[in-house]
PDB file of N, CA and C in Angstrom:
ATOM      1  N   UNK A   1      12.839 -13.173   3.149  1.00  0.00           N
ATOM      2  CA  UNK A   1      12.131 -12.100   2.327  1.00  0.00           C
ATOM      3  C   UNK A   1      12.906 -10.830   2.603  1.00  0.00           C
ATOM      4  N   UNK A   2      12.916  -9.993   1.572  1.00  0.00           N
ATOM      5  CA  UNK A   2      13.574  -8.668   1.645  1.00  0.00           C
ATOM      6  C   UNK A   2      12.691  -7.814   2.489  1.00  0.00           C
ATOM      7  N   UNK A   3      13.386  -6.748   2.906  1.00  0.00           N
ATOM      8  CA  UNK A   3      12.565  -5.709   3.639  1.00  0.00           C
ATOM      9  C   UNK A   3      11.749  -4.780   2.763  1.00  0.00           C
ATOM     10  N   UNK A   4      11.957  -4.902   1.481  1.00  0.00           N
ATOM     11  CA  UNK A   4      11.362  -4.028   0.440  1.00  0.00           C
ATOM     12  C   UNK A   4      10.634  -4.910  -0.519  1.00  0.00           C
ATOM     13  N   UNK A   5       9.380  -4.360  -1.012  1.00  0.00           N
ATOM     14  CA  UNK A   5       8.630  -4.957  -2.051  1.00  0.00           C
ATOM     15  C   UNK A   5       8.641  -4.180  -3.244  1.00  0.00           C
ATOM     16  N   UNK A   6       8.686  -4.734  -4.366  1.00  0.00           N
ATOM     17  CA  UNK A   6       8.390  -3.908  -5.589  1.00  0.00           C
ATOM     18  C   UNK A   6       6.925  -3.760  -5.827  1.00  0.00           C
ATOM     19  N   UNK A   7       6.562  -2.820  -6.735  1.00  0.00           N
ATOM     20  CA  UNK A   7       5.153  -2.743  -7.108  1.00  0.00           C
ATOM     21  C   UNK A   7       4.556  -4.067  -7.592  1.00  0.00           C
ATOM     22  N   UNK A   8       5.319  -4.727  -8.351  1.00  0.00           N
ATOM     23  CA  UNK A   8       4.815  -6.092  -8.870  1.00  0.00           C
ATOM     24  C   UNK A   8       4.647  -7.044  -7.749  1.00  0.00           C
ATOM     25  N   UNK A   9       5.454  -7.043  -6.788  1.00  0.00           N
ATOM     26  CA  UNK A   9       5.324  -7.954  -5.636  1.00  0.00           C
ATOM     27  C   UNK A   9       4.093  -7.531  -4.718  1.00  0.00           C
ATOM     28  N   UNK A  10       3.924  -6.291  -4.551  1.00  0.00           N
ATOM     29  CA  UNK A  10       2.830  -5.926  -3.793  1.00  0.00           C
ATOM     30  C   UNK A  10       1.543  -6.104  -4.563  1.00  0.00           C
ATOM     31  N   UNK A  11       1.555  -5.884  -5.876  1.00  0.00           N
ATOM     32  CA  UNK A  11       0.364  -6.145  -6.696  1.00  0.00           C
ATOM     33  C   UNK A  11      -0.017  -7.597  -6.728  1.00  0.00           C
ATOM     34  N   UNK A  12       0.909  -8.402  -6.634  1.00  0.00           N
ATOM     35  CA  UNK A  12       0.684  -9.875  -6.622  1.00  0.00           C
ATOM     36  C   UNK A  12       0.008 -10.232  -5.225  1.00  0.00           C
ATOM     37  N   UNK A  13       0.559  -9.633  -4.276  1.00  0.00           N
ATOM     38  CA  UNK A  13       0.047  -9.920  -2.854  1.00  0.00           C
ATOM     39  C   UNK A  13      -1.433  -9.407  -2.765  1.00  0.00           C
ATOM     40  N   UNK A  14      -1.766  -8.308  -3.332  1.00  0.00           N
ATOM     41  CA  UNK A  14      -3.118  -7.694  -3.246  1.00  0.00           C
ATOM     42  C   UNK A  14      -4.030  -7.967  -4.342  1.00  0.00           C
ATOM     43  N   UNK A  15      -3.468  -8.520  -5.495  1.00  0.00           N
ATOM     44  CA  UNK A  15      -4.376  -8.727  -6.690  1.00  0.00           C
ATOM     45  C   UNK A  15      -4.617  -7.404  -7.383  1.00  0.00           C
ATOM     46  N   UNK A  16      -3.639  -6.554  -7.373  1.00  0.00           N
ATOM     47  CA  UNK A  16      -3.789  -5.272  -8.022  1.00  0.00           C
ATOM     48  C   UNK A  16      -2.784  -5.005  -9.136  1.00  0.00           C
ATOM     49  N   UNK A  17      -3.129  -4.222 -10.004  1.00  0.00           N
ATOM     50  CA  UNK A  17      -2.045  -3.873 -11.134  1.00  0.00           C
ATOM     51  C   UNK A  17      -1.106  -2.833 -10.685  1.00  0.00           C
ATOM     52  N   UNK A  18       0.004  -2.740 -11.470  1.00  0.00           N
ATOM     53  CA  UNK A  18       0.926  -1.646 -11.187  1.00  0.00           C
ATOM     54  C   UNK A  18       0.275  -0.306 -11.264  1.00  0.00           C
ATOM     55  N   UNK A  19      -0.610  -0.160 -12.231  1.00  0.00           N
ATOM     56  CA  UNK A  19      -1.338   1.101 -12.412  1.00  0.00           C
ATOM     57  C   UNK A  19      -2.312   1.447 -11.227  1.00  0.00           C
ATOM     58  N   UNK A  20      -2.901   0.359 -10.705  1.00  0.00           N
ATOM     59  CA  UNK A  20      -3.796   0.666  -9.468  1.00  0.00           C
ATOM     60  C   UNK A  20      -2.984   1.054  -8.335  1.00  0.00           C
ATOM     61  N   UNK A  21      -1.801   0.585  -8.057  1.00  0.00           N
ATOM     62  CA  UNK A  21      -0.906   0.989  -7.101  1.00  0.00           C
ATOM     63  C   UNK A  21      -0.331   2.325  -7.412  1.00  0.00           C
ATOM     64  N   UNK A  22      -0.069   2.696  -8.596  1.00  0.00           N
ATOM     65  CA  UNK A  22       0.365   4.071  -9.035  1.00  0.00           C
ATOM     66  C   UNK A  22      -0.826   5.072  -8.722  1.00  0.00           C
ATOM     67  N   UNK A  23      -2.003   4.651  -8.962  1.00  0.00           N
ATOM     68  CA  UNK A  23      -3.105   5.549  -8.661  1.00  0.00           C
ATOM     69  C   UNK A  23      -3.222   5.810  -7.158  1.00  0.00           C
ATOM     70  N   UNK A  24      -3.018   4.662  -6.360  1.00  0.00           N
ATOM     71  CA  UNK A  24      -3.103   4.844  -4.934  1.00  0.00           C
ATOM     72  C   UNK A  24      -1.995   5.790  -4.473  1.00  0.00           C
ATOM     73  N   UNK A  25      -0.811   5.700  -4.993  1.00  0.00           N
ATOM     74  CA  UNK A  25       0.291   6.577  -4.662  1.00  0.00           C
ATOM     75  C   UNK A  25      -0.046   8.069  -5.039  1.00  0.00           C
ATOM     76  N   UNK A  26      -0.667   8.281  -6.105  1.00  0.00           N
ATOM     77  CA  UNK A  26      -1.010   9.580  -6.666  1.00  0.00           C
ATOM     78  C   UNK A  26      -2.105  10.282  -5.693  1.00  0.00           C
ATOM     79  N   UNK A  27      -3.076   9.433  -5.316  1.00  0.00           N
ATOM     80  CA  UNK A  27      -4.048   9.956  -4.467  1.00  0.00           C
ATOM     81  C   UNK A  27      -3.750  10.049  -2.994  1.00  0.00           C
ATOM     82  N   UNK A  28      -2.656   9.353  -2.643  1.00  0.00           N
ATOM     83  CA  UNK A  28      -2.188   9.295  -1.242  1.00  0.00           C
ATOM     84  C   UNK A  28      -2.947   8.410  -0.321  1.00  0.00           C
ATOM     85  N   UNK A  29      -3.630   7.483  -0.891  1.00  0.00           N
ATOM     86  CA  UNK A  29      -4.500   6.638  -0.024  1.00  0.00           C
ATOM     87  C   UNK A  29      -3.961   5.173   0.024  1.00  0.00           C
ATOM     88  N   UNK A  30      -2.748   4.861  -0.236  1.00  0.00           N
ATOM     89  CA  UNK A  30      -2.129   3.593  -0.148  1.00  0.00           C
ATOM     90  C   UNK A  30      -1.112   3.670   0.917  1.00  0.00           C
ATOM     91  N   UNK A  31      -0.329   2.574   1.007  1.00  0.00           N
ATOM     92  CA  UNK A  31       0.739   2.493   1.921  1.00  0.00           C
ATOM     93  C   UNK A  31       1.819   3.476   1.705  1.00  0.00           C
ATOM     94  N   UNK A  32       2.593   3.927   2.632  1.00  0.00           N
ATOM     95  CA  UNK A  32       3.799   4.678   2.402  1.00  0.00           C
ATOM     96  C   UNK A  32       4.692   3.904   1.521  1.00  0.00           C
ATOM     97  N   UNK A  33       5.431   4.734   0.769  1.00  0.00           N
ATOM     98  CA  UNK A  33       6.452   4.059  -0.216  1.00  0.00           C
ATOM     99  C   UNK A  33       7.777   4.873  -0.187  1.00  0.00           C
ATOM    100  N   UNK A  34       8.685   4.218  -0.770  1.00  0.00           N
ATOM    101  CA  UNK A  34      10.134   4.762  -0.822  1.00  0.00           C
ATOM    102  C   UNK A  34      10.387   5.104  -2.315  1.00  0.00           C
ATOM    103  N   UNK A  35      10.752   6.159  -2.699  1.00  0.00           N
ATOM    104  CA  UNK A  35      11.109   6.559  -4.010  1.00  0.00           C
ATOM    105  C   UNK A  35      12.647   6.681  -4.147  1.00  0.00           C
ATOM    106  N   UNK A  36      13.145   5.862  -4.928  1.00  0.00           N
ATOM    107  CA  UNK A  36      14.670   5.821  -5.117  1.00  0.00           C
ATOM    108  C   UNK A  36      14.977   6.311  -6.471  1.00  0.00           C
ATOM    109  N   UNK A  37      15.568   7.452  -6.520  1.00  0.00           N
ATOM    110  CA  UNK A  37      15.919   8.041  -7.906  1.00  0.00           C
ATOM    111  C   UNK A  37      14.569   8.586  -8.442  1.00  0.00           C
ATOM    112  N   UNK A  38      14.602   8.736  -9.745  1.00  0.00           N
ATOM    113  CA  UNK A  38      13.493   9.394 -10.451  1.00  0.00           C
ATOM    114  C   UNK A  38      12.295   8.448 -10.632  1.00  0.00           C
ATOM    115  N   UNK A  39      12.480   7.098 -10.722  1.00  0.00           N
ATOM    116  CA  UNK A  39      11.492   6.225 -11.127  1.00  0.00           C
ATOM    117  C   UNK A  39      11.218   4.956 -10.284  1.00  0.00           C
ATOM    118  N   UNK A  40      12.170   4.682  -9.496  1.00  0.00           N
ATOM    119  CA  UNK A  40      12.060   3.410  -8.732  1.00  0.00           C
ATOM    120  C   UNK A  40      11.295   3.526  -7.451  1.00  0.00           C
ATOM    121  N   UNK A  41      10.190   2.777  -7.366  1.00  0.00           N
ATOM    122  CA  UNK A  41       9.358   2.840  -6.174  1.00  0.00           C
ATOM    123  C   UNK A  41       9.343   1.515  -5.526  1.00  0.00           C
ATOM    124  N   UNK A  42       9.616   1.551  -4.174  1.00  0.00           N
ATOM    125  CA  UNK A  42       9.592   0.332  -3.370  1.00  0.00           C
ATOM    126  C   UNK A  42       8.584   0.457  -2.203  1.00  0.00           C
ATOM    127  N   UNK A  43       8.226  -0.598  -1.520  1.00  0.00           N
ATOM    128  CA  UNK A  43       7.323  -0.462  -0.470  1.00  0.00           C
ATOM    129  C   UNK A  43       8.012  -1.257   0.715  1.00  0.00           C
ATOM    130  N   UNK A  44       8.163  -0.628   1.916  1.00  0.00           N
ATOM    131  CA  UNK A  44       8.765  -1.332   3.089  1.00  0.00           C
ATOM    132  C   UNK A  44       7.682  -2.261   3.557  1.00  0.00           C
ATOM    133  N   UNK A  45       8.106  -3.509   3.915  1.00  0.00           N
ATOM    134  CA  UNK A  45       7.190  -4.522   4.405  1.00  0.00           C
ATOM    135  C   UNK A  45       6.486  -3.980   5.622  1.00  0.00           C
ATOM    136  N   UNK A  46       7.120  -3.288   6.475  1.00  0.00           N
ATOM    137  CA  UNK A  46       6.551  -2.780   7.725  1.00  0.00           C
ATOM    138  C   UNK A  46       5.438  -1.801   7.447  1.00  0.00           C
ATOM    139  N   UNK A  47       5.603  -1.009   6.351  1.00  0.00           N
ATOM    140  CA  UNK A  47       4.492  -0.027   5.973  1.00  0.00           C
ATOM    141  C   UNK A  47       3.395  -0.691   5.469  1.00  0.00           C
ATOM    142  N   UNK A  48       3.608  -1.834   4.601  1.00  0.00           N
ATOM    143  CA  UNK A  48       2.568  -2.610   4.011  1.00  0.00           C
ATOM    144  C   UNK A  48       1.744  -3.210   5.135  1.00  0.00           C
ATOM    145  N   UNK A  49       2.427  -3.866   6.063  1.00  0.00           N
ATOM    146  CA  UNK A  49       1.745  -4.523   7.086  1.00  0.00           C
ATOM    147  C   UNK A  49       0.915  -3.506   7.991  1.00  0.00           C
ATOM    148  N   UNK A  50       1.478  -2.313   8.195  1.00  0.00           N
ATOM    149  CA  UNK A  50       0.712  -1.369   9.030  1.00  0.00           C
ATOM    150  C   UNK A  50      -0.517  -0.918   8.244  1.00  0.00           C
ATOM    151  N   UNK A  51      -0.368  -0.769   6.895  1.00  0.00           N
ATOM    152  CA  UNK A  51      -1.533  -0.278   6.177  1.00  0.00           C
ATOM    153  C   UNK A  51      -2.603  -1.390   6.065  1.00  0.00           C
ATOM    154  N   UNK A  52      -2.149  -2.689   5.927  1.00  0.00           N
ATOM    155  CA  UNK A  52      -3.149  -3.719   5.990  1.00  0.00           C
ATOM    156  C   UNK A  52      -3.823  -3.777   7.318  1.00  0.00           C
ATOM    157  N   UNK A  53      -3.198  -3.666   8.405  1.00  0.00           N
ATOM    158  CA  UNK A  53      -3.768  -3.640   9.752  1.00  0.00           C
ATOM    159  C   UNK A  53      -4.784  -2.471   9.809  1.00  0.00           C
ATOM    160  N   UNK A  54      -4.442  -1.351   9.271  1.00  0.00           N
ATOM    161  CA  UNK A  54      -5.364  -0.098   9.435  1.00  0.00           C
ATOM    162  C   UNK A  54      -6.647  -0.377   8.573  1.00  0.00           C
ATOM    163  N   UNK A  55      -6.670  -1.289   7.560  1.00  0.00           N
ATOM    164  CA  UNK A  55      -7.756  -1.628   6.731  1.00  0.00           C
ATOM    165  C   UNK A  55      -8.776  -2.507   7.387  1.00  0.00           C
ATOM    166  N   UNK A  56      -8.448  -3.135   8.483  1.00  0.00           N
ATOM    167  CA  UNK A  56      -9.263  -4.188   9.156  1.00  0.00           C
ATOM    168  C   UNK A  56     -10.614  -3.446   9.510  1.00  0.00           C
ATOM    169  N   UNK A  57     -11.745  -4.070   9.130  1.00  0.00           N
ATOM    170  CA  UNK A  57     -13.087  -3.577   9.505  1.00  0.00           C
ATOM    171  C   UNK A  57     -13.964  -4.662  10.179  1.00  0.00           C
ATOM    172  N   UNK A  58     -14.840  -4.196  10.913  1.00  0.00           N
ATOM    173  CA  UNK A  58     -15.840  -5.179  11.501  1.00  0.00           C
ATOM    174  C   UNK A  58     -17.207  -4.947  10.867  1.00  0.00           C
ATOM    175  N   UNK A  59     -17.377  -3.949  10.082  1.00  0.00           N
ATOM    176  CA  UNK A  59     -18.724  -3.727   9.509  1.00  0.00           C
ATOM    177  C   UNK A  59     -18.449  -3.098   8.105  1.00  0.00           C
ATOM    178  N   UNK A  60     -19.236  -3.281   7.128  1.00  0.00           N
ATOM    179  CA  UNK A  60     -19.110  -2.681   5.817  1.00  0.00           C
ATOM    180  C   UNK A  60     -19.263  -1.164   5.762  1.00  0.00           C
ATOM    181  N   UNK A  61     -19.912  -0.643   6.698  1.00  0.00           N
ATOM    182  CA  UNK A  61     -20.183   0.782   6.755  1.00  0.00           C
ATOM    183  C   UNK A  61     -19.268   1.612   7.543  1.00  0.00           C
ATOM    184  N   UNK A  62     -18.188   0.941   8.077  1.00  0.00           N
ATOM    185  CA  UNK A  62     -17.171   1.659   8.925  1.00  0.00           C
ATOM    186  C   UNK A  62     -16.376   2.715   8.066  1.00  0.00           C
ATOM    187  N   UNK A  63     -16.286   3.815   8.682  1.00  0.00           N
ATOM    188  CA  UNK A  63     -15.445   4.963   8.051  1.00  0.00           C
ATOM    189  C   UNK A  63     -14.108   4.860   8.515  1.00  0.00           C
ATOM    190  N   UNK A  64     -13.149   4.431   7.656  1.00  0.00           N
ATOM    191  CA  UNK A  64     -11.709   4.203   8.175  1.00  0.00           C
ATOM    192  C   UNK A  64     -11.140   5.471   8.781  1.00  0.00           C
ATOM    193  N   UNK A  65     -11.546   6.640   8.315  1.00  0.00           N
ATOM    194  CA  UNK A  65     -10.990   7.919   8.745  1.00  0.00           C
ATOM    195  C   UNK A  65     -11.575   8.287  10.200  1.00  0.00           C
ATOM    196  N   UNK A  66     -12.786   7.808  10.434  1.00  0.00           N
ATOM    197  CA  UNK A  66     -13.393   8.108  11.764  1.00  0.00           C
ATOM    198  C   UNK A  66     -12.705   7.156  12.876  1.00  0.00           C
ATOM    199  N   UNK A  67     -12.229   6.042  12.544  1.00  0.00           N
ATOM    200  CA  UNK A  67     -11.468   5.271  13.572  1.00  0.00           C
ATOM    201  C   UNK A  67     -10.122   5.790  13.956  1.00  0.00           C
ATOM    202  N   UNK A  68      -9.543   6.643  13.125  1.00  0.00           N
ATOM    203  CA  UNK A  68      -8.206   7.202  13.463  1.00  0.00           C
ATOM    204  C   UNK A  68      -8.180   8.299  14.438  1.00  0.00           C
TER     205      UNK A  68
END
């Protein structure tokens, strides 16, 4: 597997659309991403894994910002 994921690859992994990922980037509440040139967006696998790990919860009412 490559060290970089396209938005389509990440969307497939998470069951999200390209637009949903674009919205996450705009809001700043998704994983870190790499912008290559004016339009190419890629995600480093290590950043995706770190983001997924940070999303682990033990209760539905946990505040992810309070745990940081």
